[in-house]
C-alpha cells in the first residue's frame, strides 16, 4: 500500500455514520472496525482519510442492508494538512464500498469529489471517480 503524502488527522471514530459516495446501492454506513489501525491499551481506534475500514450498511437497498463490507474513507470533515502547507476539509464524511481488501470497488462510478490522498493510495477507486480534489 502506498504512503499518503499528507499529515492526516484521524477524524472518524468507531460507530460513526458516514455517507456512501458510489453507486453501489448503499446510502449510509456505520464504521465498525479499522484495518491496520494503530492503537493503545484502553483507547478506541479512529480512522482518517484513505484508511481501510469495515462498515455495516444502515440505509440503502434491501439486499445490502445489515451486511458488512470493506470500505475506503475518501472524504472527512476534520481538517488535514498537505505537504504544501494548505489545510483541506470537506463538507461531509464519505466512503467508497469495496468488494474485497485489495481495493476493487463495488460500485461503477463516484460522482462526488474525493481527496487526492485517497486516489493516490487506492488507484481502482481513482479510476471510477470523476472529481479528485
N, C-alpha and C. Protein backbone atom coordinates (compact mmCIF):
# COMPACT_ATOMS: atom_id res chain seq x y z
N UNK A 1 0.85 -1.17 0.00
CA UNK A 1 0.00 0.00 0.00
C UNK A 1 0.90 1.24 0.00
N UNK A 2 0.56 2.20 -0.82
CA UNK A 2 1.35 3.41 -0.95
C UNK A 2 1.14 4.34 0.24
N UNK A 3 2.19 5.05 0.62
CA UNK A 3 2.09 6.00 1.73
C UNK A 3 1.31 7.24 1.30
N UNK A 4 0.66 7.88 2.25
CA UNK A 4 -0.12 9.08 1.97
C UNK A 4 0.80 10.29 2.07
N UNK A 5 0.67 11.22 1.12
CA UNK A 5 1.54 12.39 1.09
C UNK A 5 0.92 13.57 1.83
N UNK A 6 0.46 13.34 3.04
CA UNK A 6 -0.12 14.40 3.86
C UNK A 6 -0.14 13.95 5.31
N UNK A 7 -0.30 14.90 6.22
CA UNK A 7 -0.44 14.60 7.65
C UNK A 7 -1.92 14.49 7.94
N UNK A 8 -2.41 13.25 7.94
CA UNK A 8 -3.84 13.01 8.08
C UNK A 8 -4.20 12.91 9.56
N UNK A 9 -5.12 13.77 10.01
CA UNK A 9 -5.64 13.66 11.35
C UNK A 9 -6.79 12.66 11.33
N UNK A 10 -6.91 11.88 12.39
CA UNK A 10 -7.97 10.87 12.44
C UNK A 10 -9.26 11.55 12.87
N UNK A 11 -10.20 11.67 11.95
CA UNK A 11 -11.41 12.42 12.22
C UNK A 11 -12.66 11.59 12.40
N UNK A 12 -12.56 10.25 12.28
CA UNK A 12 -13.74 9.40 12.38
C UNK A 12 -13.51 8.31 13.42
N UNK A 13 -14.43 8.17 14.35
CA UNK A 13 -14.35 7.15 15.39
C UNK A 13 -15.12 5.91 14.98
N UNK A 14 -14.93 4.84 15.74
CA UNK A 14 -15.76 3.66 15.55
C UNK A 14 -17.20 4.02 15.90
N UNK A 15 -18.13 3.56 15.09
CA UNK A 15 -19.53 3.88 15.31
C UNK A 15 -20.01 5.11 14.57
N UNK A 16 -19.13 5.79 13.85
CA UNK A 16 -19.53 6.99 13.10
C UNK A 16 -20.38 6.60 11.91
N UNK A 17 -21.43 7.37 11.67
CA UNK A 17 -22.28 7.19 10.49
C UNK A 17 -21.74 8.07 9.37
N UNK A 18 -21.46 7.49 8.22
CA UNK A 18 -20.91 8.23 7.09
C UNK A 18 -21.71 7.92 5.83
N UNK A 19 -21.65 8.84 4.87
CA UNK A 19 -22.33 8.67 3.59
C UNK A 19 -21.51 7.75 2.68
N UNK A 20 -22.19 7.18 1.68
CA UNK A 20 -21.52 6.36 0.67
C UNK A 20 -21.45 7.18 -0.61
N UNK A 21 -20.26 7.29 -1.19
CA UNK A 21 -20.04 8.18 -2.34
C UNK A 21 -20.26 7.49 -3.68
N UNK A 22 -20.37 6.16 -3.71
CA UNK A 22 -20.50 5.48 -5.00
C UNK A 22 -21.94 5.03 -5.25
N UNK A 23 -22.15 4.36 -6.39
CA UNK A 23 -23.49 3.93 -6.77
C UNK A 23 -23.72 2.45 -6.48
N UNK A 24 -23.21 1.96 -5.38
CA UNK A 24 -23.34 0.54 -5.04
C UNK A 24 -24.73 0.17 -4.52
N UNK A 25 -25.51 1.15 -4.10
CA UNK A 25 -26.85 0.89 -3.58
C UNK A 25 -27.00 1.24 -2.12
N UNK A 26 -25.90 1.37 -1.41
CA UNK A 26 -25.94 1.78 0.00
C UNK A 26 -25.95 3.30 0.08
N UNK A 27 -26.61 3.84 1.08
CA UNK A 27 -26.68 5.29 1.26
C UNK A 27 -25.91 5.76 2.49
N UNK A 28 -26.04 5.03 3.59
CA UNK A 28 -25.36 5.39 4.83
C UNK A 28 -24.83 4.12 5.50
N UNK A 29 -23.61 4.23 6.05
CA UNK A 29 -22.98 3.08 6.70
C UNK A 29 -22.42 3.51 8.05
N UNK A 30 -22.14 2.51 8.91
CA UNK A 30 -21.53 2.74 10.22
C UNK A 30 -20.16 2.06 10.24
N UNK A 31 -19.14 2.78 10.71
CA UNK A 31 -17.79 2.21 10.80
C UNK A 31 -17.74 1.29 12.00
N UNK A 32 -17.31 0.03 11.77
CA UNK A 32 -17.26 -0.94 12.86
C UNK A 32 -15.84 -1.39 13.17
N UNK A 33 -14.89 -1.24 12.25
CA UNK A 33 -13.51 -1.66 12.51
C UNK A 33 -12.56 -0.90 11.59
N UNK A 34 -11.29 -0.82 12.03
CA UNK A 34 -10.26 -0.15 11.24
C UNK A 34 -9.16 -1.16 10.96
N UNK A 35 -8.86 -1.39 9.69
CA UNK A 35 -7.80 -2.33 9.32
C UNK A 35 -6.45 -1.64 9.44
N UNK A 36 -5.48 -2.32 10.00
CA UNK A 36 -4.12 -1.80 10.20
C UNK A 36 -4.10 -0.55 11.07
N UNK A 37 -5.01 -0.46 12.02
CA UNK A 37 -5.08 0.71 12.89
C UNK A 37 -4.10 0.59 14.05
N UNK A 38 -3.40 1.67 14.34
CA UNK A 38 -2.51 1.68 15.49
C UNK A 38 -3.31 2.15 16.70
N UNK A 39 -3.09 1.54 17.81
CA UNK A 39 -3.84 1.91 18.99
C UNK A 39 -3.01 1.81 20.25
N UNK A 40 -3.66 2.07 21.35
CA UNK A 40 -3.04 1.97 22.66
C UNK A 40 -4.05 1.29 23.57
N UNK A 41 -3.58 0.67 24.62
CA UNK A 41 -4.48 -0.04 25.51
C UNK A 41 -5.51 0.91 26.11
N UNK A 42 -6.78 0.55 25.99
CA UNK A 42 -7.85 1.35 26.54
C UNK A 42 -8.33 2.47 25.65
N UNK A 43 -7.70 2.66 24.51
CA UNK A 43 -8.09 3.75 23.61
C UNK A 43 -8.81 3.18 22.40
N UNK A 44 -9.91 3.81 22.04
CA UNK A 44 -10.68 3.36 20.89
C UNK A 44 -9.99 3.78 19.60
N UNK A 45 -10.00 2.89 18.60
CA UNK A 45 -9.36 3.21 17.32
C UNK A 45 -10.16 4.27 16.57
N UNK A 46 -9.45 5.08 15.83
CA UNK A 46 -10.06 6.08 14.96
C UNK A 46 -9.46 5.92 13.58
N UNK A 47 -10.11 6.48 12.57
CA UNK A 47 -9.59 6.38 11.21
C UNK A 47 -9.66 7.75 10.55
N UNK A 48 -8.90 7.88 9.49
CA UNK A 48 -8.85 9.13 8.75
C UNK A 48 -8.96 8.86 7.26
N UNK A 49 -8.59 9.85 6.50
CA UNK A 49 -8.67 9.80 5.05
C UNK A 49 -7.80 8.68 4.49
N UNK A 50 -8.29 7.95 3.51
CA UNK A 50 -7.60 6.88 2.78
C UNK A 50 -7.37 5.64 3.62
N UNK A 51 -8.03 5.51 4.77
CA UNK A 51 -7.89 4.31 5.59
C UNK A 51 -8.88 3.24 5.14
N UNK A 52 -8.48 1.99 5.34
CA UNK A 52 -9.33 0.85 5.03
C UNK A 52 -10.14 0.51 6.28
N UNK A 53 -11.47 0.53 6.16
CA UNK A 53 -12.35 0.29 7.30
C UNK A 53 -13.38 -0.77 6.94
N UNK A 54 -13.96 -1.37 7.97
CA UNK A 54 -15.05 -2.31 7.79
C UNK A 54 -16.33 -1.59 8.19
N UNK A 55 -17.36 -1.65 7.35
CA UNK A 55 -18.59 -0.89 7.59
C UNK A 55 -19.80 -1.80 7.54
N UNK A 56 -20.85 -1.36 8.24
CA UNK A 56 -22.13 -2.04 8.28
C UNK A 56 -23.16 -1.13 7.62
N UNK A 57 -23.89 -1.64 6.64
CA UNK A 57 -24.84 -0.81 5.89
C UNK A 57 -26.07 -0.56 6.74
N UNK A 58 -26.42 0.72 6.94
CA UNK A 58 -27.59 1.11 7.73
C UNK A 58 -28.76 1.53 6.86
N UNK A 59 -28.49 2.24 5.77
CA UNK A 59 -29.55 2.68 4.86
C UNK A 59 -29.13 2.35 3.44
N UNK A 60 -30.11 1.94 2.63
CA UNK A 60 -29.83 1.62 1.24
C UNK A 60 -30.78 0.57 0.73
N UNK A 61 -30.32 -0.15 -0.30
CA UNK A 61 -31.17 -1.17 -0.90
C UNK A 61 -31.35 -2.35 0.07
N UNK A 62 -32.43 -3.08 -0.13
CA UNK A 62 -32.80 -4.16 0.78
C UNK A 62 -31.77 -5.28 0.82
N UNK A 63 -31.12 -5.56 -0.32
CA UNK A 63 -30.13 -6.63 -0.37
C UNK A 63 -28.87 -6.30 0.43
N UNK A 64 -28.52 -5.02 0.50
CA UNK A 64 -27.28 -4.61 1.16
C UNK A 64 -27.44 -4.31 2.64
N UNK A 65 -28.67 -4.03 3.09
CA UNK A 65 -28.87 -3.67 4.50
C UNK A 65 -28.42 -4.80 5.42
N UNK A 66 -27.81 -4.40 6.54
CA UNK A 66 -27.32 -5.30 7.58
C UNK A 66 -26.19 -6.20 7.10
N UNK A 67 -25.50 -5.83 6.02
CA UNK A 67 -24.34 -6.58 5.57
C UNK A 67 -23.08 -5.79 5.88
N UNK A 68 -21.96 -6.48 5.99
CA UNK A 68 -20.68 -5.88 6.33
C UNK A 68 -19.77 -5.90 5.11
N UNK A 69 -19.15 -4.76 4.80
CA UNK A 69 -18.27 -4.63 3.65
C UNK A 69 -16.98 -3.91 4.07
N UNK A 70 -15.95 -4.05 3.23
CA UNK A 70 -14.77 -3.21 3.36
C UNK A 70 -15.05 -1.90 2.66
N UNK A 71 -14.43 -0.82 3.12
CA UNK A 71 -14.63 0.49 2.51
C UNK A 71 -13.37 1.33 2.68
N UNK A 72 -13.25 2.37 1.86
CA UNK A 72 -12.15 3.33 1.93
C UNK A 72 -12.74 4.70 2.24
N UNK A 73 -12.16 5.39 3.21
CA UNK A 73 -12.60 6.75 3.54
C UNK A 73 -12.05 7.70 2.47
N UNK A 74 -12.93 8.41 1.75
CA UNK A 74 -12.50 9.30 0.67
C UNK A 74 -12.70 10.77 1.00
N UNK A 75 -13.52 11.09 2.02
CA UNK A 75 -13.71 12.48 2.45
C UNK A 75 -13.86 12.50 3.97
N UNK A 76 -13.35 13.57 4.60
CA UNK A 76 -13.58 13.76 6.03
C UNK A 76 -13.74 15.25 6.33
N UNK A 77 -14.57 15.53 7.32
CA UNK A 77 -14.85 16.91 7.71
C UNK A 77 -13.73 17.52 8.53
N UNK A 78 -12.98 16.70 9.24
CA UNK A 78 -11.88 17.19 10.06
C UNK A 78 -10.73 17.67 9.15
N UNK A 79 -10.21 18.87 9.37
CA UNK A 79 -9.13 19.38 8.51
C UNK A 79 -7.86 18.53 8.62
N UNK A 80 -7.19 18.35 7.48
CA UNK A 80 -5.89 17.69 7.46
C UNK A 80 -4.93 18.57 6.66
N UNK A 81 -3.63 18.36 6.89
CA UNK A 81 -2.62 19.24 6.32
C UNK A 81 -1.87 18.54 5.20
N UNK A 82 -1.80 19.20 4.03
CA UNK A 82 -0.99 18.69 2.93
C UNK A 82 0.43 19.19 3.10
N UNK A 83 1.36 18.58 2.36
CA UNK A 83 2.77 18.95 2.49
C UNK A 83 3.05 20.35 1.98
N UNK A 84 2.17 20.91 1.18
CA UNK A 84 2.34 22.29 0.70
C UNK A 84 2.00 23.31 1.76
N UNK A 85 1.41 22.86 2.87
CA UNK A 85 1.05 23.75 3.96
C UNK A 85 -0.42 24.09 4.02
N UNK A 86 -1.16 23.78 2.98
CA UNK A 86 -2.59 24.10 2.99
C UNK A 86 -3.37 23.07 3.79
N UNK A 87 -4.46 23.51 4.39
CA UNK A 87 -5.34 22.63 5.15
C UNK A 87 -6.61 22.41 4.35
N UNK A 88 -7.00 21.15 4.25
CA UNK A 88 -8.14 20.76 3.43
C UNK A 88 -9.18 20.09 4.32
N UNK A 89 -10.45 20.41 4.08
CA UNK A 89 -11.54 19.67 4.73
C UNK A 89 -12.73 19.70 3.79
N UNK A 90 -13.63 18.74 3.98
CA UNK A 90 -14.79 18.58 3.10
C UNK A 90 -16.06 18.87 3.88
N UNK A 91 -17.15 18.97 3.17
CA UNK A 91 -18.44 19.27 3.78
C UNK A 91 -19.02 18.06 4.51
N UNK A 92 -18.67 16.85 4.07
CA UNK A 92 -19.23 15.65 4.68
C UNK A 92 -18.18 14.54 4.73
N UNK A 93 -18.46 13.54 5.57
CA UNK A 93 -17.63 12.34 5.61
C UNK A 93 -18.22 11.34 4.62
N UNK A 94 -17.35 10.64 3.88
CA UNK A 94 -17.85 9.68 2.89
C UNK A 94 -16.86 8.54 2.70
N UNK A 95 -17.41 7.39 2.29
CA UNK A 95 -16.61 6.21 1.99
C UNK A 95 -17.03 5.65 0.63
N UNK A 96 -16.18 4.79 0.07
CA UNK A 96 -16.49 4.03 -1.14
C UNK A 96 -16.43 2.56 -0.76
N UNK A 97 -17.49 1.81 -1.04
CA UNK A 97 -17.54 0.38 -0.70
C UNK A 97 -16.65 -0.43 -1.62
N UNK A 98 -16.03 -1.47 -1.05
CA UNK A 98 -15.14 -2.35 -1.80
C UNK A 98 -15.68 -3.77 -1.80
N UNK A 99 -15.30 -4.56 -2.81
CA UNK A 99 -15.67 -5.98 -2.87
C UNK A 99 -14.79 -6.80 -1.94
N UNK A 100 -13.49 -6.42 -1.87
CA UNK A 100 -12.54 -7.17 -1.07
C UNK A 100 -11.48 -6.22 -0.53
N UNK A 101 -10.49 -6.76 0.18
CA UNK A 101 -9.45 -5.93 0.79
C UNK A 101 -8.46 -5.35 -0.20
N UNK A 102 -8.40 -5.88 -1.40
CA UNK A 102 -7.39 -5.43 -2.37
C UNK A 102 -7.73 -4.10 -3.01
N UNK A 103 -8.95 -3.62 -2.87
CA UNK A 103 -9.29 -2.29 -3.37
C UNK A 103 -10.21 -2.27 -4.57
N UNK A 104 -10.82 -3.38 -4.93
CA UNK A 104 -11.76 -3.40 -6.05
C UNK A 104 -13.09 -2.82 -5.60
N UNK A 105 -13.54 -1.71 -6.21
CA UNK A 105 -14.79 -1.06 -5.76
C UNK A 105 -16.03 -1.86 -6.12
N UNK A 106 -17.05 -1.75 -5.29
CA UNK A 106 -18.32 -2.43 -5.51
C UNK A 106 -19.16 -1.69 -6.55
N UNK A 107 -19.13 -0.38 -6.53
CA UNK A 107 -19.87 0.42 -7.49
C UNK A 107 -19.09 0.63 -8.78
N UNK A 108 -19.73 1.30 -9.74
CA UNK A 108 -19.09 1.54 -11.03
C UNK A 108 -18.68 2.99 -11.23
N UNK A 109 -19.19 3.91 -10.42
CA UNK A 109 -18.80 5.31 -10.56
C UNK A 109 -18.99 6.07 -9.26
N UNK A 110 -18.17 7.12 -9.10
CA UNK A 110 -18.26 8.03 -7.97
C UNK A 110 -18.49 9.42 -8.56
N UNK A 111 -19.66 9.99 -8.33
CA UNK A 111 -19.98 11.29 -8.94
C UNK A 111 -19.53 12.46 -8.09
N UNK A 112 -19.33 12.25 -6.79
CA UNK A 112 -18.93 13.35 -5.91
C UNK A 112 -17.41 13.41 -5.83
N UNK A 113 -16.91 14.47 -5.21
CA UNK A 113 -15.46 14.68 -5.10
C UNK A 113 -14.84 13.74 -4.08
N UNK A 114 -13.59 13.32 -4.38
CA UNK A 114 -12.81 12.55 -3.41
C UNK A 114 -11.46 13.24 -3.26
N UNK A 115 -10.78 12.95 -2.17
CA UNK A 115 -9.49 13.59 -1.89
C UNK A 115 -8.38 12.95 -2.72
N UNK A 116 -7.37 13.75 -3.04
CA UNK A 116 -6.24 13.28 -3.82
C UNK A 116 -5.46 12.19 -3.09
N UNK A 117 -5.37 12.30 -1.77
CA UNK A 117 -4.64 11.32 -0.97
C UNK A 117 -5.27 9.93 -1.07
N UNK A 118 -6.60 9.87 -1.07
CA UNK A 118 -7.29 8.58 -1.22
C UNK A 118 -7.11 8.04 -2.64
N UNK A 119 -7.09 8.92 -3.62
CA UNK A 119 -6.91 8.49 -5.01
C UNK A 119 -5.50 7.95 -5.25
N UNK A 120 -4.50 8.53 -4.59
CA UNK A 120 -3.13 8.05 -4.74
C UNK A 120 -2.95 6.67 -4.12
N UNK A 121 -3.54 6.45 -2.97
CA UNK A 121 -3.37 5.18 -2.27
C UNK A 121 -4.20 4.07 -2.88
N UNK A 122 -5.38 4.37 -3.40
CA UNK A 122 -6.30 3.38 -3.95
C UNK A 122 -6.57 3.68 -5.43
N UNK A 123 -5.75 3.17 -6.36
CA UNK A 123 -5.89 3.52 -7.78
C UNK A 123 -7.19 3.02 -8.42
N UNK A 124 -7.74 1.90 -7.94
CA UNK A 124 -9.00 1.41 -8.50
C UNK A 124 -10.16 2.34 -8.17
N UNK A 125 -10.11 2.96 -7.00
CA UNK A 125 -11.14 3.92 -6.61
C UNK A 125 -10.98 5.20 -7.45
N UNK A 126 -9.73 5.60 -7.69
CA UNK A 126 -9.47 6.80 -8.50
C UNK A 126 -9.95 6.61 -9.94
N UNK A 127 -9.90 5.39 -10.42
CA UNK A 127 -10.29 5.11 -11.80
C UNK A 127 -11.78 5.35 -12.03
N UNK A 128 -12.62 5.08 -11.01
CA UNK A 128 -14.06 5.24 -11.21
C UNK A 128 -14.57 6.60 -10.75
N UNK A 129 -13.70 7.44 -10.18
CA UNK A 129 -14.15 8.74 -9.68
C UNK A 129 -14.04 9.81 -10.77
N UNK A 130 -14.91 10.80 -10.70
CA UNK A 130 -14.94 11.85 -11.71
C UNK A 130 -14.25 13.13 -11.24
N UNK A 131 -14.28 13.42 -9.94
CA UNK A 131 -13.69 14.65 -9.40
C UNK A 131 -12.69 14.28 -8.32
N UNK A 132 -11.44 14.69 -8.50
CA UNK A 132 -10.40 14.47 -7.49
C UNK A 132 -9.90 15.84 -7.04
N UNK A 133 -10.02 16.12 -5.76
CA UNK A 133 -9.65 17.44 -5.21
C UNK A 133 -8.32 17.32 -4.49
